[in-house]
Amino acid sequence: MGGETDKAAADFPAWHKWDRKFFLFYVLAAWGAILIGFYPSVTRRYLGQADFPAPGILQVHVFAFTAWMCLLTVQIFLIRTGQQSIHKRLGIAGAIMVPILVITGVGAEIVSQRFYSPKYPENLQFFIAPLFQMLVFLVCASMALLLRKDSAAHKRLILLGTSMILVAAYNRWWGEGLYQLFGDGFWGMIVHNFAGPNMLMAVAIAYDVVSRRRVHWVHATMVPAILLGELVTSWVYHHSAWPPIAWQLVGI
């Protein structure tokens, strides 16, 4: 496998003249989803109209998520301006943020479930979705750190992982509309939960094809794995055995 990966990396040009524009497009699409998706809920919270006061772990998660997105934005602009040495040094901060984001992300969802699920037991089904998202982010970010010397793979893994933690932003933007259109069945659950990151992954694959006439091995292997994970997530979400398990995991 290692030899095949090395050969694929050698055959795939690490840089293309359009790369800077593509990564700029990605970060703008990400921030657009964040601003549009989270603005209403953030506004309600600042006005004291949130469903429950923000616990410490949620505040830390929001800070870590914002810091990650700011760091990603800075890193992209550092590469655009040719400051690779600073980019590499700041990568240490990204490595520190990964476990913080994962731990606080799961913890914040547990707090949310403890508040909502006693009133709305069906809400427990959803607990599998953030667990899957955090797992994908952790795997992609960890692989990106291990493959940081392979710039093409590193960048694509970072974007794949980041795409999965944008689920909440896109859901708040258009999730309800997609829910009304496609429902909450097996396929509907996948559409209204993962349409945002799946769209970003599709654009990234299309960019590979347009710019290099081939798909990078990261996308060729990781995207199918993520899509398979979405199928499993929806299966668990709809399985009658899952809510009691989620109930125990959440600690209600």
Protein backbone atom coordinates (compact mmCIF):
# COMPACT_ATOMS: atom_id res chain seq x y z
CA MET A 1 0.00 0.00 0.00
CA GLY A 2 2.83 2.37 0.90
CA GLY A 3 4.51 1.82 -2.48
CA GLU A 4 1.27 2.44 -4.35
CA THR A 5 0.69 5.63 -2.37
CA ASP A 6 4.23 6.86 -3.07
CA LYS A 7 3.79 6.18 -6.80
CA ALA A 8 0.41 7.96 -6.85
CA ALA A 9 1.95 10.96 -5.08
CA ALA A 10 4.82 11.07 -7.57
CA ASP A 11 2.41 10.97 -10.52
CA PHE A 12 0.21 13.75 -9.12
CA PRO A 13 1.63 17.29 -9.49
CA ALA A 14 1.78 18.86 -6.03
CA TRP A 15 1.06 22.36 -7.35
CA HIS A 16 -1.08 23.88 -10.08
CA LYS A 17 -1.46 27.52 -11.03
CA TRP A 18 -5.15 27.40 -10.04
CA ASP A 19 -4.52 25.97 -6.55
CA ARG A 20 -4.45 29.32 -4.80
CA LYS A 21 -7.83 30.28 -6.24
CA PHE A 22 -9.35 26.91 -5.35
CA PHE A 23 -8.25 27.01 -1.72
CA LEU A 24 -9.41 30.62 -1.46
CA PHE A 25 -12.80 29.52 -2.82
CA TYR A 26 -12.93 26.75 -0.21
CA VAL A 27 -12.24 29.00 2.76
CA LEU A 28 -14.77 31.58 1.52
CA ALA A 29 -17.41 28.84 1.12
CA ALA A 30 -16.64 27.64 4.63
CA TRP A 31 -16.90 31.08 6.21
CA GLY A 32 -20.04 31.81 4.23
CA ALA A 33 -21.71 28.72 5.68
CA ILE A 34 -20.53 29.60 9.19
CA LEU A 35 -21.78 33.18 9.06
CA ILE A 36 -25.12 32.35 7.45
CA GLY A 37 -25.69 29.18 9.47
CA PHE A 38 -24.68 30.33 12.93
CA TYR A 39 -25.71 33.99 12.85
CA PRO A 40 -29.33 33.40 14.00
CA SER A 41 -28.41 31.09 16.90
CA VAL A 42 -25.49 33.26 18.02
CA THR A 43 -27.73 36.33 17.92
CA ARG A 44 -30.37 34.58 20.05
CA ARG A 45 -27.75 33.53 22.56
CA TYR A 46 -26.36 37.05 22.91
CA LEU A 47 -29.91 38.35 23.34
CA GLY A 48 -30.50 35.84 26.12
CA GLN A 49 -33.00 33.86 24.05
CA ALA A 50 -31.07 30.57 23.77
CA ASP A 51 -32.75 27.36 24.93
CA PHE A 52 -30.16 26.88 27.67
CA PRO A 53 -27.09 28.77 28.98
CA ALA A 54 -23.87 27.83 27.20
CA PRO A 55 -21.86 25.48 29.45
CA GLY A 56 -18.10 25.79 29.65
CA ILE A 57 -17.40 22.90 27.29
CA LEU A 58 -19.60 24.43 24.60
CA GLN A 59 -17.82 27.77 24.97
CA VAL A 60 -14.43 26.06 24.65
CA HIS A 61 -15.64 24.16 21.57
CA VAL A 62 -16.89 27.33 19.90
CA PHE A 63 -13.56 29.01 20.63
CA ALA A 64 -11.59 26.00 19.33
CA PHE A 65 -13.71 25.73 16.18
CA THR A 66 -13.34 29.45 15.46
CA ALA A 67 -9.60 29.25 16.13
CA TRP A 68 -9.30 26.29 13.73
CA MET A 69 -11.10 28.14 10.96
CA CYS A 70 -9.03 31.28 11.55
CA LEU A 71 -5.84 29.22 11.50
CA LEU A 72 -6.91 27.50 8.27
CA THR A 73 -7.59 30.90 6.71
CA VAL A 74 -4.22 32.26 7.83
CA GLN A 75 -2.43 29.14 6.60
CA ILE A 76 -4.01 29.43 3.15
CA PHE A 77 -2.97 33.07 2.89
CA LEU A 78 0.55 32.25 4.07
CA ILE A 79 0.90 29.74 1.24
CA ARG A 80 -0.56 32.29 -1.20
CA THR A 81 2.12 34.77 -0.17
CA GLY A 82 4.97 32.25 -0.19
CA GLN A 83 5.60 32.19 3.58
CA GLN A 84 5.97 28.43 3.94
CA SER A 85 8.27 28.60 6.98
CA ILE A 86 5.67 30.44 9.07
CA HIS A 87 3.00 28.09 7.71
CA LYS A 88 4.94 25.08 9.02
CA ARG A 89 5.49 26.62 12.46
CA LEU A 90 1.79 27.44 12.82
CA GLY A 91 1.02 23.83 11.98
CA ILE A 92 2.00 22.99 15.56
CA ALA A 93 -0.96 25.03 16.78
CA GLY A 94 -3.23 23.05 14.47
CA ALA A 95 -1.94 19.78 15.90
CA ILE A 96 -2.79 20.98 19.41
CA MET A 97 -6.29 22.04 18.35
CA VAL A 98 -7.28 18.66 16.89
CA PRO A 99 -7.84 16.75 20.17
CA ILE A 100 -9.40 19.84 21.77
CA LEU A 101 -11.91 20.14 18.94
CA VAL A 102 -12.81 16.45 19.08
CA ILE A 103 -13.16 16.20 22.86
CA THR A 104 -15.14 19.42 23.23
CA GLY A 105 -17.24 18.62 20.16
CA VAL A 106 -18.40 15.32 21.63
CA GLY A 107 -18.75 16.87 25.09
CA ALA A 108 -20.86 19.77 23.81
CA GLU A 109 -23.17 17.33 22.01
CA ILE A 110 -23.56 15.28 25.20
CA VAL A 111 -24.60 18.43 27.07
CA SER A 112 -27.08 19.27 24.32
CA GLN A 113 -28.51 15.75 24.38
CA ARG A 114 -28.92 15.85 28.15
CA PHE A 115 -30.98 19.02 27.78
CA TYR A 116 -33.16 18.08 24.81
CA SER A 117 -33.56 14.29 24.91
CA PRO A 118 -35.61 14.02 28.14
CA LYS A 119 -38.18 16.30 26.45
CA TYR A 120 -37.71 14.94 22.92
CA PRO A 121 -36.51 11.29 23.15
CA GLU A 122 -36.31 10.98 19.35
CA ASN A 123 -33.47 13.51 19.48
CA LEU A 124 -31.17 10.75 20.77
CA GLN A 125 -31.04 9.27 17.27
CA PHE A 126 -29.00 12.26 16.14
CA PHE A 127 -26.15 11.55 18.58
CA ILE A 128 -24.53 9.19 16.06
CA ALA A 129 -24.06 12.01 13.53
CA PRO A 130 -21.64 14.20 15.54
CA LEU A 131 -19.76 11.09 16.68
CA PHE A 132 -19.20 10.19 13.02
CA GLN A 133 -18.23 13.75 12.12
CA MET A 134 -15.66 13.98 14.91
CA LEU A 135 -14.23 10.58 13.97
CA VAL A 136 -13.75 11.62 10.33
CA PHE A 137 -12.17 14.91 11.40
CA LEU A 138 -9.81 13.13 13.80
CA VAL A 139 -8.73 10.56 11.19
CA CYS A 140 -8.24 13.11 8.40
CA ALA A 141 -6.44 15.64 10.60
CA SER A 142 -4.16 12.95 12.07
CA MET A 143 -3.31 11.63 8.60
CA ALA A 144 -2.64 15.19 7.44
CA LEU A 145 -0.14 15.67 10.26
CA LEU A 146 1.59 12.39 9.45
CA LEU A 147 1.73 13.27 5.73
CA ARG A 148 2.67 16.92 6.15
CA LYS A 149 5.72 16.46 3.88
CA ASP A 150 3.38 15.42 1.05
CA SER A 151 1.81 18.83 0.45
CA ALA A 152 -0.88 17.66 -1.98
CA ALA A 153 -2.10 14.92 0.37
CA HIS A 154 -1.74 17.14 3.45
CA LYS A 155 -3.90 19.92 2.03
CA ARG A 156 -6.62 17.58 0.81
CA LEU A 157 -6.82 15.75 4.13
CA ILE A 158 -7.11 19.02 6.03
CA LEU A 159 -9.95 20.16 3.78
CA LEU A 160 -11.76 16.81 4.05
CA GLY A 161 -11.57 16.89 7.83
CA THR A 162 -12.65 20.52 7.98
CA SER A 163 -15.57 19.81 5.66
CA MET A 164 -17.00 17.36 8.17
CA ILE A 165 -16.95 19.83 11.05
CA LEU A 166 -18.89 22.28 8.88
CA VAL A 167 -21.95 19.99 9.02
CA ALA A 168 -23.60 22.05 11.76
CA ALA A 169 -23.10 25.30 9.86
CA TYR A 170 -24.65 23.97 6.66
CA ASN A 171 -27.45 22.27 8.60
CA ARG A 172 -28.43 25.54 10.24
CA TRP A 173 -28.33 27.21 6.83
CA TRP A 174 -30.37 24.80 4.70
CA GLY A 175 -30.90 21.66 6.78
CA GLU A 176 -34.55 22.38 7.57
CA GLY A 177 -35.35 23.05 3.92
CA LEU A 178 -33.70 19.78 2.85
CA TYR A 179 -35.52 17.97 5.64
CA GLN A 180 -38.84 19.23 4.31
CA LEU A 181 -37.92 18.17 0.76
CA PHE A 182 -36.34 14.77 1.41
CA GLY A 183 -37.68 13.74 4.80
CA ASP A 184 -35.77 11.87 7.50
CA GLY A 185 -35.69 8.38 6.00
CA PHE A 186 -32.50 6.48 5.23
CA TRP A 187 -31.49 8.68 2.27
CA GLY A 188 -33.19 11.82 3.55
CA MET A 189 -31.12 11.74 6.73
CA ILE A 190 -27.94 11.62 4.66
CA VAL A 191 -29.07 14.47 2.42
CA HIS A 192 -30.16 16.94 5.09
CA ASN A 193 -27.18 16.18 7.35
CA PHE A 194 -24.29 15.77 4.92
CA ALA A 195 -25.22 17.77 1.81
CA GLY A 196 -22.79 20.56 2.75
CA PRO A 197 -19.59 18.53 3.19
CA ASN A 198 -20.55 16.22 0.32
CA MET A 199 -20.86 19.23 -1.96
CA LEU A 200 -17.41 20.44 -0.90
CA MET A 201 -15.94 16.97 -1.49
CA ALA A 202 -17.53 16.81 -4.95
CA VAL A 203 -16.07 20.21 -5.84
CA ALA A 204 -12.63 19.11 -4.61
CA ILE A 205 -12.74 15.95 -6.74
CA ALA A 206 -13.92 17.95 -9.75
CA TYR A 207 -11.01 20.34 -9.21
CA ASP A 208 -8.55 17.43 -9.23
CA VAL A 209 -9.97 16.23 -12.55
CA VAL A 210 -10.00 19.69 -14.15
CA SER A 211 -6.53 20.71 -12.95
CA ARG A 212 -4.66 17.36 -13.06
CA ARG A 213 -6.87 15.13 -15.23
CA ARG A 214 -6.98 12.61 -12.39
CA VAL A 215 -8.24 12.25 -8.83
CA HIS A 216 -5.70 12.46 -6.01
CA TRP A 217 -5.34 9.24 -4.02
CA VAL A 218 -6.62 10.98 -0.87
CA HIS A 219 -9.92 11.72 -2.56
CA ALA A 220 -9.98 8.35 -4.35
CA THR A 221 -9.71 6.47 -1.04
CA MET A 222 -11.04 8.73 1.70
CA VAL A 223 -14.17 10.08 0.01
CA PRO A 224 -15.63 6.60 -0.67
CA ALA A 225 -14.79 5.68 2.95
CA ILE A 226 -16.58 8.79 4.21
CA LEU A 227 -19.62 8.12 2.03
CA LEU A 228 -19.72 4.53 3.30
CA GLY A 229 -19.53 5.95 6.83
CA GLU A 230 -22.53 8.15 6.08
CA LEU A 231 -24.51 5.06 5.02
CA VAL A 232 -23.56 3.30 8.26
CA THR A 233 -24.43 6.43 10.25
CA SER A 234 -27.90 6.59 8.71
CA TRP A 235 -28.40 2.86 9.36
CA VAL A 236 -27.48 3.30 13.03
CA TYR A 237 -29.62 6.46 13.22
CA HIS A 238 -32.70 4.51 12.12
CA HIS A 239 -32.00 1.28 14.05
CA SER A 240 -34.23 0.66 17.05
CA ALA A 241 -31.28 -0.59 19.11
CA TRP A 242 -29.42 2.72 18.89
CA PRO A 243 -31.46 5.06 21.18
CA PRO A 244 -30.97 2.88 24.32
CA ILE A 245 -27.24 2.74 23.59
CA ALA A 246 -27.11 6.50 23.01
CA TRP A 247 -29.05 7.00 26.25
CA GLN A 248 -26.32 5.17 28.15
CA LEU A 249 -23.51 6.99 26.34
CA VAL A 250 -25.04 10.38 27.04
CA GLY A 251 -25.53 9.44 30.69
CA ILE A 252 -29.12 10.51 31.08
